[in-house]
């Protein structure tokens, strides 16, 4: 078997219970201190302590959480009970700060996969961030990425499968 630098990272598929355990073990005791939107409706959430990383393409360090969750090209909805706060189709640059404030200072309390192909992230204020894992947007890449404090990368594929990548976020260890 030949490996090249162009080959995709190797990854192992995880069960729903394994992914739930990872999410709860890694961030249930870490508050979300930064949340924002980028590239249309994609989101990022930083949890736990603040660390400085120096991206490969930049000379300037940036602050991120010791754990980071990125929501990519998928339909998502942020709701408080039956009230929808915002979703991927209604978020704008103008309303993002106001709508996403519901995720600041919260702790992850549950990770639930629904039969409707929705993955629900339930937070300590009872707000739920639901991710559509049915691939409504016909994405070819992962719809979510979680970088754990140890740099391990976990993803949700475009059709709802969970993965642990062999890739490690090494920028977290460069000071």
Foldseek 3Di string as FASTA:
>chain_A
DDDDPPDDFDKDFDDPVVVFCCQCVFFQPWAFADKFADDQQKIKTATHDWAWFADPVHPDTDIGHLKMKIFAPFWKFKDQVPRTLDISVRDDPVCTVVSCVVRHGWGFDGWDQDPQQWTWGAIPNRIIMITRLCLPVVDQAFRMWMQGSQQWIWTQGSNGIIITTPDGPCRRVDD
